[in-house]
Amino acid sequence: MIVCSCNLLSDGDVKACLTPGPGCPRTPAQVYNCLGCSPNCGRCARTIRSIMDKALAEVGVSPCGRGCCPTGGRVVELAVAAEAAL
């Protein structure tokens, strides 16, 4: 399924760059970088985040990389986004 029509990225592309270890992308921006592109309109960022969260949970990896936070680091992302909106 195509998740980013601007860059023609599929859910398979996103999952393919999620490898266990410290180099695993933890944000949609890092996924774009891993795939050699950048976000254009940004509409797919939430879908990419959802794919990341599900794929990493299936292999038992915490989305934030530390394994200590149940929100997967989203609290920090939301706080940064809220601050940027001010």
Protein backbone atom coordinates (compact mmCIF):
# COMPACT_ATOMS: atom_id res chain seq x y z
CA MET A 1 0.00 0.00 0.00
CA ILE A 2 1.34 3.46 -0.90
CA VAL A 3 1.61 5.60 2.24
CA CYS A 4 3.42 8.59 0.76
CA SER A 5 2.22 9.64 -2.68
CA CYS A 6 4.75 12.50 -2.86
CA ASN A 7 7.72 10.10 -2.65
CA LEU A 8 5.92 6.91 -3.73
CA LEU A 9 6.75 5.11 -0.49
CA SER A 10 4.92 1.95 0.47
CA ASP A 11 4.32 0.41 3.87
CA GLY A 12 6.84 -2.24 2.81
CA ASP A 13 9.48 0.45 2.22
CA VAL A 14 8.89 1.82 5.72
CA LYS A 15 9.06 -1.64 7.32
CA ALA A 16 12.21 -2.52 5.35
CA CYS A 17 14.24 0.26 6.96
CA LEU A 18 13.19 -0.72 10.51
CA THR A 19 16.07 -2.93 11.56
CA PRO A 20 16.77 -3.76 15.20
CA GLY A 21 19.65 -1.88 16.73
CA PRO A 22 20.79 1.65 17.43
CA GLY A 23 20.58 2.69 13.77
CA CYS A 24 16.88 1.94 13.52
CA PRO A 25 14.83 5.01 12.60
CA ARG A 26 12.72 6.23 15.53
CA THR A 27 10.84 9.08 13.85
CA PRO A 28 9.13 9.56 10.49
CA ALA A 29 11.85 12.08 9.57
CA GLN A 30 14.49 9.40 10.13
CA VAL A 31 12.50 6.99 7.94
CA TYR A 32 12.47 9.56 5.13
CA ASN A 33 16.23 10.00 5.55
CA CYS A 34 16.79 6.24 5.57
CA LEU A 35 14.83 5.96 2.32
CA GLY A 36 16.76 8.82 0.71
CA CYS A 37 13.95 11.34 0.50
CA SER A 38 12.29 14.08 2.50
CA PRO A 39 8.69 14.89 3.41
CA ASN A 40 6.85 17.18 1.02
CA CYS A 41 3.29 17.73 2.21
CA GLY A 42 3.67 15.78 5.47
CA ARG A 43 0.25 14.10 5.33
CA CYS A 44 1.81 10.67 5.59
CA ALA A 45 3.82 11.30 8.78
CA ARG A 46 1.12 9.92 11.08
CA THR A 47 0.65 6.84 8.90
CA ILE A 48 4.40 6.24 8.86
CA ARG A 49 4.50 6.61 12.66
CA SER A 50 1.65 4.10 12.98
CA ILE A 51 3.42 1.61 10.72
CA MET A 52 6.63 2.08 12.72
CA ASP A 53 4.89 1.56 16.06
CA LYS A 54 3.13 -1.61 14.90
CA ALA A 55 6.17 -3.10 13.17
CA LEU A 56 8.49 -2.43 16.10
CA ALA A 57 5.95 -3.77 18.61
CA GLU A 58 5.69 -7.00 16.60
CA VAL A 59 9.41 -7.64 17.06
CA GLY A 60 9.40 -6.48 20.68
CA VAL A 61 11.32 -3.25 20.18
CA SER A 62 10.21 -0.13 22.03
CA PRO A 63 9.54 2.68 19.54
CA CYS A 64 11.56 5.12 21.62
CA GLY A 65 14.58 2.82 21.69
CA ARG A 66 14.97 2.78 25.46
CA GLY A 67 12.16 0.42 26.39
CA CYS A 68 11.19 2.50 29.40
CA CYS A 69 8.31 4.63 28.19
CA PRO A 70 4.91 3.23 27.29
CA THR A 71 4.19 6.16 24.97
CA GLY A 72 7.11 5.34 22.71
CA GLY A 73 8.63 8.80 22.98
CA ARG A 74 5.50 10.45 21.60
CA VAL A 75 5.12 12.71 24.63
CA VAL A 76 8.33 14.49 23.69
CA GLU A 77 7.27 14.71 20.02
CA LEU A 78 3.89 16.16 20.99
CA ALA A 79 5.51 18.67 23.35
CA VAL A 80 7.91 19.84 20.64
CA ALA A 81 5.05 20.15 18.15
CA ALA A 82 2.94 22.10 20.61
CA GLU A 83 5.82 24.44 21.40
CA ALA A 84 6.48 25.01 17.70
CA ALA A 85 2.83 25.92 17.17
CA LEU A 86 3.06 28.77 19.70
